N, C-alpha and C. Protein backbone atom coordinates (compact mmCIF):
# COMPACT_ATOMS: atom_id res chain seq x y z
N MET A 1 71.09 28.76 42.44
CA MET A 1 72.17 29.59 41.96
C MET A 1 73.05 30.07 43.11
N VAL A 2 72.42 30.44 44.22
CA VAL A 2 73.18 30.91 45.39
C VAL A 2 74.06 29.79 45.92
N ALA A 3 73.53 28.56 45.95
CA ALA A 3 74.32 27.42 46.44
C ALA A 3 75.53 27.18 45.54
N PHE A 4 75.35 27.32 44.23
CA PHE A 4 76.47 27.12 43.30
C PHE A 4 77.55 28.18 43.51
N VAL A 5 77.14 29.44 43.67
CA VAL A 5 78.10 30.52 43.90
C VAL A 5 78.84 30.29 45.21
N ARG A 6 78.11 29.89 46.25
CA ARG A 6 78.72 29.62 47.55
C ARG A 6 79.72 28.47 47.45
N GLN A 7 79.34 27.40 46.74
CA GLN A 7 80.24 26.26 46.57
C GLN A 7 81.49 26.65 45.80
N THR A 8 81.32 27.43 44.74
CA THR A 8 82.46 27.89 43.94
C THR A 8 83.39 28.76 44.78
N TYR A 9 82.81 29.71 45.50
CA TYR A 9 83.60 30.60 46.35
C TYR A 9 84.36 29.79 47.41
N THR A 10 83.66 28.88 48.08
CA THR A 10 84.28 28.05 49.12
C THR A 10 85.41 27.21 48.54
N THR A 11 85.20 26.65 47.37
CA THR A 11 86.24 25.84 46.72
C THR A 11 87.49 26.68 46.45
N HIS A 12 87.30 27.87 45.90
CA HIS A 12 88.45 28.74 45.62
C HIS A 12 89.18 29.11 46.92
N VAL A 13 88.43 29.42 47.96
CA VAL A 13 89.06 29.79 49.24
C VAL A 13 89.84 28.62 49.83
N VAL A 14 89.27 27.43 49.80
CA VAL A 14 89.94 26.25 50.36
C VAL A 14 91.25 25.97 49.61
N PHE A 15 91.21 26.01 48.29
CA PHE A 15 92.44 25.78 47.52
C PHE A 15 93.46 26.88 47.80
N LEU A 16 93.00 28.13 47.93
CA LEU A 16 93.92 29.22 48.23
C LEU A 16 94.59 29.01 49.58
N LEU A 17 93.81 28.64 50.60
CA LEU A 17 94.37 28.40 51.93
C LEU A 17 95.36 27.24 51.91
N TRP A 18 95.02 26.19 51.18
CA TRP A 18 95.91 25.03 51.09
C TRP A 18 97.24 25.42 50.46
N LEU A 19 97.18 26.18 49.36
CA LEU A 19 98.42 26.56 48.68
C LEU A 19 99.21 27.62 49.46
N ILE A 20 98.53 28.46 50.24
CA ILE A 20 99.24 29.38 51.13
C ILE A 20 100.02 28.57 52.15
N TRP A 21 99.39 27.53 52.70
CA TRP A 21 100.08 26.68 53.67
C TRP A 21 101.29 26.00 53.04
N LYS A 22 101.12 25.48 51.84
CA LYS A 22 102.24 24.82 51.15
C LYS A 22 103.37 25.81 50.88
N GLU A 23 103.03 27.05 50.51
CA GLU A 23 104.04 28.07 50.24
C GLU A 23 104.77 28.44 51.53
N ARG A 24 104.02 28.50 52.63
CA ARG A 24 104.61 28.78 53.93
C ARG A 24 105.62 27.70 54.30
N CYS A 25 105.23 26.44 54.11
CA CYS A 25 106.14 25.32 54.41
C CYS A 25 107.37 25.37 53.51
N ASN A 26 107.18 25.69 52.26
CA ASN A 26 108.29 25.80 51.33
C ASN A 26 109.25 26.91 51.77
N CYS A 27 108.70 27.99 52.27
CA CYS A 27 109.50 29.12 52.75
C CYS A 27 110.28 28.73 54.01
N VAL A 28 109.60 28.10 54.96
CA VAL A 28 110.22 27.74 56.24
C VAL A 28 111.26 26.64 56.08
N PHE A 29 110.91 25.59 55.35
CA PHE A 29 111.78 24.41 55.30
C PHE A 29 112.79 24.43 54.16
N ASN A 30 112.46 25.09 53.06
CA ASN A 30 113.37 25.12 51.92
C ASN A 30 114.01 26.49 51.71
N HIS A 31 113.65 27.44 52.57
CA HIS A 31 114.22 28.80 52.54
C HIS A 31 114.02 29.47 51.18
N ILE A 32 112.82 29.29 50.63
CA ILE A 32 112.48 29.90 49.35
C ILE A 32 111.54 31.06 49.62
N SER A 33 111.80 32.19 49.01
CA SER A 33 110.97 33.38 49.21
C SER A 33 109.56 33.12 48.69
N PRO A 34 108.55 33.54 49.45
CA PRO A 34 107.17 33.32 49.01
C PRO A 34 106.84 34.18 47.79
N ASN A 35 105.96 33.67 46.95
CA ASN A 35 105.53 34.37 45.75
C ASN A 35 104.00 34.36 45.73
N SER A 36 103.41 35.45 46.20
CA SER A 36 101.95 35.50 46.37
C SER A 36 101.21 35.42 45.03
N LEU A 37 101.75 36.00 43.98
CA LEU A 37 101.09 35.91 42.67
C LEU A 37 101.07 34.47 42.16
N SER A 38 102.15 33.76 42.36
CA SER A 38 102.21 32.36 41.95
C SER A 38 101.22 31.52 42.75
N VAL A 39 101.14 31.79 44.06
CA VAL A 39 100.21 31.05 44.91
C VAL A 39 98.77 31.29 44.45
N ALA A 40 98.42 32.54 44.22
CA ALA A 40 97.05 32.87 43.79
C ALA A 40 96.73 32.23 42.44
N SER A 41 97.68 32.27 41.53
CA SER A 41 97.48 31.69 40.20
C SER A 41 97.31 30.18 40.27
N ARG A 42 98.19 29.51 41.03
CA ARG A 42 98.10 28.05 41.16
C ARG A 42 96.81 27.65 41.87
N ALA A 43 96.40 28.43 42.87
CA ALA A 43 95.16 28.12 43.60
C ALA A 43 93.96 28.24 42.67
N PHE A 44 93.94 29.29 41.86
CA PHE A 44 92.83 29.48 40.94
C PHE A 44 92.79 28.35 39.90
N ARG A 45 93.96 27.99 39.35
CA ARG A 45 94.01 26.89 38.38
C ARG A 45 93.53 25.58 38.99
N ALA A 46 94.02 25.27 40.20
CA ALA A 46 93.65 24.00 40.85
C ALA A 46 92.17 23.96 41.17
N SER A 47 91.63 25.05 41.72
CA SER A 47 90.21 25.04 42.08
C SER A 47 89.34 25.03 40.82
N SER A 48 89.76 25.72 39.79
CA SER A 48 89.00 25.70 38.53
C SER A 48 88.98 24.31 37.93
N GLU A 49 90.13 23.63 37.96
CA GLU A 49 90.18 22.25 37.46
C GLU A 49 89.26 21.35 38.28
N PHE A 50 89.30 21.51 39.59
CA PHE A 50 88.44 20.72 40.46
C PHE A 50 86.97 20.96 40.12
N LEU A 51 86.60 22.21 39.90
CA LEU A 51 85.20 22.53 39.62
C LEU A 51 84.74 22.05 38.25
N THR A 52 85.67 21.72 37.36
CA THR A 52 85.27 21.23 36.04
C THR A 52 85.00 19.73 36.03
N ILE A 53 85.26 19.06 37.13
CA ILE A 53 84.98 17.62 37.19
C ILE A 53 83.47 17.45 37.08
N PRO A 54 83.02 16.67 36.13
CA PRO A 54 81.57 16.52 35.94
C PRO A 54 80.88 15.97 37.18
N THR A 55 79.75 16.56 37.51
CA THR A 55 79.01 16.13 38.70
C THR A 55 78.41 14.75 38.52
N PHE A 56 78.24 14.29 37.27
CA PHE A 56 77.66 12.96 37.08
C PHE A 56 78.58 11.85 37.57
N LEU A 57 79.84 12.15 37.83
CA LEU A 57 80.75 11.14 38.36
C LEU A 57 80.49 10.86 39.83
N SER A 58 79.96 11.82 40.54
CA SER A 58 79.78 11.70 41.99
C SER A 58 78.97 10.48 42.42
N PRO A 59 77.83 10.17 41.80
CA PRO A 59 77.07 9.01 42.26
C PRO A 59 77.81 7.69 42.12
N LYS A 60 78.79 7.60 41.22
CA LYS A 60 79.51 6.36 41.02
C LYS A 60 80.55 6.09 42.11
N ILE A 61 80.89 7.10 42.88
CA ILE A 61 81.95 6.95 43.87
C ILE A 61 81.36 6.33 45.13
N HIS A 62 81.91 5.20 45.52
CA HIS A 62 81.45 4.52 46.73
C HIS A 62 82.57 4.52 47.74
N ARG A 63 82.27 4.91 48.93
CA ARG A 63 83.26 4.94 50.00
C ARG A 63 83.42 3.53 50.57
N PRO A 64 84.65 3.14 50.90
CA PRO A 64 84.84 1.84 51.53
C PRO A 64 84.16 1.81 52.90
N ARG A 65 83.75 0.64 53.31
CA ARG A 65 83.06 0.51 54.61
C ARG A 65 83.98 0.82 55.77
N ASN A 66 85.23 0.40 55.66
CA ASN A 66 86.19 0.77 56.70
C ASN A 66 87.53 1.02 56.05
N SER A 67 88.42 1.65 56.78
CA SER A 67 89.70 2.06 56.20
C SER A 67 90.58 0.86 55.84
N GLU A 68 90.36 -0.28 56.46
CA GLU A 68 91.18 -1.46 56.15
C GLU A 68 90.96 -1.89 54.71
N ASP A 69 89.70 -1.80 54.24
CA ASP A 69 89.40 -2.17 52.86
C ASP A 69 90.15 -1.31 51.86
N SER A 70 90.33 -0.03 52.18
CA SER A 70 90.93 0.88 51.21
C SER A 70 92.46 0.79 51.17
N THR A 71 93.07 0.14 52.14
CA THR A 71 94.52 0.08 52.17
C THR A 71 95.07 -1.31 51.91
N HIS A 72 94.23 -2.29 51.76
CA HIS A 72 94.68 -3.66 51.57
C HIS A 72 94.65 -4.00 50.08
N TRP A 73 95.74 -4.59 49.60
CA TRP A 73 95.82 -4.98 48.20
C TRP A 73 95.32 -6.41 48.05
N PHE A 74 94.47 -6.65 47.07
CA PHE A 74 93.95 -7.98 46.80
C PHE A 74 94.47 -8.46 45.45
N PRO A 75 94.95 -9.70 45.38
CA PRO A 75 95.44 -10.21 44.09
C PRO A 75 94.28 -10.43 43.12
N PRO A 76 94.58 -10.47 41.83
CA PRO A 76 93.53 -10.73 40.85
C PRO A 76 93.13 -12.21 40.89
N PRO A 77 92.03 -12.55 40.22
CA PRO A 77 91.62 -13.96 40.16
C PRO A 77 92.71 -14.83 39.50
N ILE A 78 92.62 -16.13 39.73
CA ILE A 78 93.58 -17.08 39.14
C ILE A 78 93.56 -16.93 37.62
N HIS A 79 94.74 -17.04 37.02
CA HIS A 79 94.95 -16.90 35.57
C HIS A 79 94.63 -15.49 35.07
N SER A 80 94.73 -14.54 35.97
CA SER A 80 94.51 -13.15 35.59
C SER A 80 95.68 -12.32 36.10
N TRP A 81 95.72 -11.07 35.74
CA TRP A 81 96.81 -10.17 36.09
C TRP A 81 96.24 -8.88 36.66
N LYS A 82 97.05 -8.17 37.42
CA LYS A 82 96.63 -6.87 37.93
C LYS A 82 97.74 -5.87 37.69
N ILE A 83 97.35 -4.72 37.17
CA ILE A 83 98.28 -3.62 36.96
C ILE A 83 97.89 -2.49 37.91
N ASN A 84 98.82 -2.11 38.76
CA ASN A 84 98.62 -0.98 39.68
C ASN A 84 99.41 0.21 39.15
N THR A 85 98.76 1.37 39.11
CA THR A 85 99.42 2.58 38.65
C THR A 85 99.36 3.65 39.72
N ASP A 86 100.33 4.55 39.69
CA ASP A 86 100.32 5.68 40.62
C ASP A 86 101.18 6.79 40.04
N ALA A 87 100.95 7.99 40.55
CA ALA A 87 101.73 9.15 40.13
C ALA A 87 101.98 10.06 41.32
N ALA A 88 103.09 10.74 41.29
CA ALA A 88 103.40 11.79 42.26
C ALA A 88 103.69 13.04 41.46
N TRP A 89 103.10 14.18 41.87
CA TRP A 89 103.19 15.41 41.09
C TRP A 89 103.67 16.56 41.96
N ASP A 90 104.60 17.33 41.47
CA ASP A 90 105.12 18.51 42.17
C ASP A 90 104.56 19.75 41.49
N SER A 91 103.68 20.48 42.18
CA SER A 91 103.02 21.63 41.58
C SER A 91 103.98 22.78 41.30
N SER A 92 105.08 22.86 42.03
CA SER A 92 106.00 23.98 41.81
C SER A 92 106.86 23.80 40.55
N THR A 93 107.14 22.58 40.18
CA THR A 93 107.96 22.33 38.99
C THR A 93 107.18 21.67 37.85
N LEU A 94 105.96 21.24 38.15
CA LEU A 94 105.10 20.51 37.21
C LEU A 94 105.71 19.17 36.79
N SER A 95 106.70 18.71 37.54
CA SER A 95 107.29 17.41 37.23
C SER A 95 106.50 16.31 37.94
N CYS A 96 106.56 15.12 37.38
CA CYS A 96 105.83 14.01 37.99
C CYS A 96 106.61 12.71 37.81
N GLY A 97 106.36 11.80 38.73
CA GLY A 97 106.89 10.46 38.65
C GLY A 97 105.72 9.51 38.43
N LEU A 98 105.87 8.60 37.50
CA LEU A 98 104.80 7.67 37.14
C LEU A 98 105.28 6.25 37.38
N SER A 99 104.36 5.37 37.76
CA SER A 99 104.73 3.97 37.93
C SER A 99 103.57 3.07 37.54
N ALA A 100 103.94 1.88 37.09
CA ALA A 100 102.97 0.83 36.76
C ALA A 100 103.60 -0.50 37.12
N LEU A 101 102.87 -1.31 37.88
CA LEU A 101 103.36 -2.62 38.31
C LEU A 101 102.40 -3.70 37.83
N LEU A 102 102.95 -4.77 37.29
CA LEU A 102 102.16 -5.92 36.84
C LEU A 102 102.42 -7.08 37.78
N ARG A 103 101.35 -7.62 38.36
CA ARG A 103 101.45 -8.76 39.27
C ARG A 103 100.54 -9.88 38.79
N ASP A 104 100.96 -11.12 39.10
CA ASP A 104 100.14 -12.28 38.75
C ASP A 104 99.16 -12.58 39.88
N SER A 105 98.41 -13.67 39.74
CA SER A 105 97.36 -14.00 40.71
C SER A 105 97.91 -14.41 42.07
N THR A 106 99.21 -14.66 42.17
CA THR A 106 99.80 -14.96 43.48
C THR A 106 100.35 -13.69 44.14
N GLY A 107 100.29 -12.57 43.41
CA GLY A 107 100.82 -11.32 43.93
C GLY A 107 102.27 -11.08 43.59
N THR A 108 102.87 -11.99 42.83
CA THR A 108 104.28 -11.87 42.45
C THR A 108 104.45 -10.77 41.40
N LEU A 109 105.43 -9.91 41.63
CA LEU A 109 105.73 -8.85 40.67
C LEU A 109 106.32 -9.47 39.41
N VAL A 110 105.70 -9.22 38.27
CA VAL A 110 106.14 -9.75 36.99
C VAL A 110 106.96 -8.72 36.23
N LYS A 111 106.48 -7.49 36.21
CA LYS A 111 107.17 -6.43 35.48
C LYS A 111 106.72 -5.09 36.03
N GLY A 112 107.60 -4.12 35.95
CA GLY A 112 107.27 -2.77 36.40
C GLY A 112 107.90 -1.73 35.50
N LEU A 113 107.26 -0.59 35.43
CA LEU A 113 107.78 0.54 34.67
C LEU A 113 107.69 1.79 35.54
N SER A 114 108.65 2.67 35.38
CA SER A 114 108.57 3.99 36.02
C SER A 114 109.08 5.01 35.03
N GLN A 115 108.66 6.24 35.26
CA GLN A 115 108.98 7.27 34.29
C GLN A 115 108.92 8.64 34.95
N LEU A 116 109.86 9.50 34.62
CA LEU A 116 109.80 10.90 35.02
C LEU A 116 109.21 11.67 33.85
N ASN A 117 108.32 12.63 34.15
CA ASN A 117 107.65 13.37 33.09
C ASN A 117 107.23 14.72 33.64
N SER A 118 106.43 15.44 32.90
CA SER A 118 105.85 16.68 33.41
C SER A 118 104.36 16.66 33.10
N ALA A 119 103.59 17.30 33.98
CA ALA A 119 102.13 17.32 33.82
C ALA A 119 101.60 18.64 34.36
N SER A 120 100.46 19.05 33.84
CA SER A 120 99.87 20.32 34.26
C SER A 120 99.10 20.22 35.58
N SER A 121 98.80 18.98 36.01
CA SER A 121 98.04 18.80 37.26
C SER A 121 98.25 17.38 37.78
N SER A 122 97.82 17.16 39.01
CA SER A 122 97.92 15.81 39.57
C SER A 122 97.00 14.85 38.83
N LEU A 123 95.84 15.34 38.40
CA LEU A 123 94.91 14.51 37.65
C LEU A 123 95.54 14.09 36.31
N ALA A 124 96.21 15.01 35.65
CA ALA A 124 96.89 14.68 34.40
C ALA A 124 98.00 13.66 34.64
N ALA A 125 98.72 13.81 35.75
CA ALA A 125 99.79 12.85 36.08
C ALA A 125 99.21 11.46 36.31
N GLU A 126 98.09 11.38 37.04
CA GLU A 126 97.45 10.08 37.27
C GLU A 126 97.00 9.46 35.94
N ALA A 127 96.48 10.29 35.03
CA ALA A 127 96.08 9.78 33.71
C ALA A 127 97.29 9.25 32.94
N MET A 128 98.41 9.94 33.06
CA MET A 128 99.64 9.48 32.39
C MET A 128 100.11 8.15 33.00
N ALA A 129 99.94 7.98 34.31
CA ALA A 129 100.32 6.72 34.95
C ALA A 129 99.43 5.58 34.45
N ILE A 130 98.14 5.85 34.29
CA ILE A 130 97.24 4.83 33.75
C ILE A 130 97.65 4.48 32.32
N ASP A 131 98.00 5.49 31.54
CA ASP A 131 98.48 5.24 30.17
C ASP A 131 99.75 4.38 30.19
N LEU A 132 100.64 4.64 31.14
CA LEU A 132 101.85 3.82 31.29
C LEU A 132 101.47 2.37 31.61
N GLY A 133 100.46 2.19 32.47
CA GLY A 133 99.98 0.85 32.80
C GLY A 133 99.39 0.13 31.60
N LEU A 134 98.66 0.87 30.77
CA LEU A 134 98.10 0.27 29.56
C LEU A 134 99.20 -0.07 28.55
N SER A 135 100.25 0.75 28.51
CA SER A 135 101.41 0.42 27.66
C SER A 135 102.09 -0.86 28.15
N LEU A 136 102.18 -0.99 29.47
CA LEU A 136 102.74 -2.21 30.06
C LEU A 136 101.90 -3.42 29.65
N ALA A 137 100.58 -3.28 29.72
CA ALA A 137 99.68 -4.38 29.35
C ALA A 137 99.85 -4.76 27.88
N SER A 138 100.04 -3.77 27.03
CA SER A 138 100.15 -4.07 25.60
C SER A 138 101.52 -4.65 25.22
N SER A 139 102.50 -4.51 26.12
CA SER A 139 103.83 -5.05 25.82
C SER A 139 103.94 -6.55 26.10
N ILE A 140 102.96 -7.09 26.79
CA ILE A 140 102.96 -8.51 27.15
C ILE A 140 101.60 -9.08 26.74
N PRO A 141 101.55 -10.24 26.12
CA PRO A 141 100.24 -10.80 25.75
C PRO A 141 99.48 -11.27 27.00
N LEU A 142 98.54 -10.46 27.44
CA LEU A 142 97.73 -10.79 28.62
C LEU A 142 96.33 -11.18 28.17
N SER A 143 95.83 -12.29 28.71
CA SER A 143 94.48 -12.71 28.35
C SER A 143 93.44 -11.90 29.10
N SER A 144 93.73 -11.55 30.35
CA SER A 144 92.79 -10.81 31.18
C SER A 144 93.57 -10.05 32.25
N PHE A 145 93.21 -8.79 32.47
CA PHE A 145 93.89 -8.04 33.53
C PHE A 145 92.95 -7.02 34.14
N GLN A 146 93.27 -6.65 35.38
CA GLN A 146 92.57 -5.58 36.08
C GLN A 146 93.52 -4.40 36.17
N LEU A 147 92.97 -3.20 36.14
CA LEU A 147 93.77 -1.99 36.28
C LEU A 147 93.32 -1.26 37.53
N GLU A 148 94.27 -0.96 38.43
CA GLU A 148 93.94 -0.23 39.66
C GLU A 148 94.70 1.08 39.70
N SER A 149 94.00 2.11 40.18
CA SER A 149 94.59 3.43 40.38
C SER A 149 93.92 4.04 41.61
N ASP A 150 94.61 4.96 42.27
CA ASP A 150 93.99 5.63 43.42
C ASP A 150 93.24 6.89 43.00
N SER A 151 93.10 7.12 41.70
CA SER A 151 92.36 8.27 41.20
C SER A 151 90.91 7.87 40.93
N LEU A 152 90.03 8.14 41.88
CA LEU A 152 88.62 7.79 41.72
C LEU A 152 88.00 8.51 40.54
N VAL A 153 88.41 9.74 40.29
CA VAL A 153 87.85 10.50 39.18
C VAL A 153 88.10 9.79 37.86
N LEU A 154 89.33 9.35 37.64
CA LEU A 154 89.66 8.69 36.38
C LEU A 154 89.06 7.30 36.28
N ILE A 155 89.14 6.51 37.33
CA ILE A 155 88.58 5.15 37.30
C ILE A 155 87.07 5.20 37.10
N SER A 156 86.40 6.16 37.73
CA SER A 156 84.95 6.29 37.58
C SER A 156 84.55 6.68 36.17
N ALA A 157 85.45 7.30 35.44
CA ALA A 157 85.15 7.73 34.07
C ALA A 157 85.12 6.57 33.09
N PHE A 158 85.71 5.41 33.46
CA PHE A 158 85.76 4.28 32.54
C PHE A 158 84.44 3.57 32.47
């Protein structure tokens, strides 16, 4: 129980410090007045969301052996397709940009979609990007495809 309380407390503090830093940068570079209540609220929401991620997902996450593996794109097998999805989320406006790219086995871009939207969190934005990728897959008759995302939490849930 003590370890759980310590982990929860540490998580809240880390998110608070991170968002204080982001607010400081926003103040310095964008000349926006800091809002401590907003920072505290966003930090609590973000850390609470993080803490709700089921612990059973953790064993499924495997770290790459070296950083080269994690940054190199590999084409799908011959006669197959790969859909890559990604999202960018702005916590201050809750707006997000979503993208999905379809490539063939030679790596040639076949089709792409992008979309501006809003989401309550970065995790929600990544889920929306995956949904956009699945919409892309359903718009073209594909016999076999792989779906890639940089959200380990969502991919591990499948």
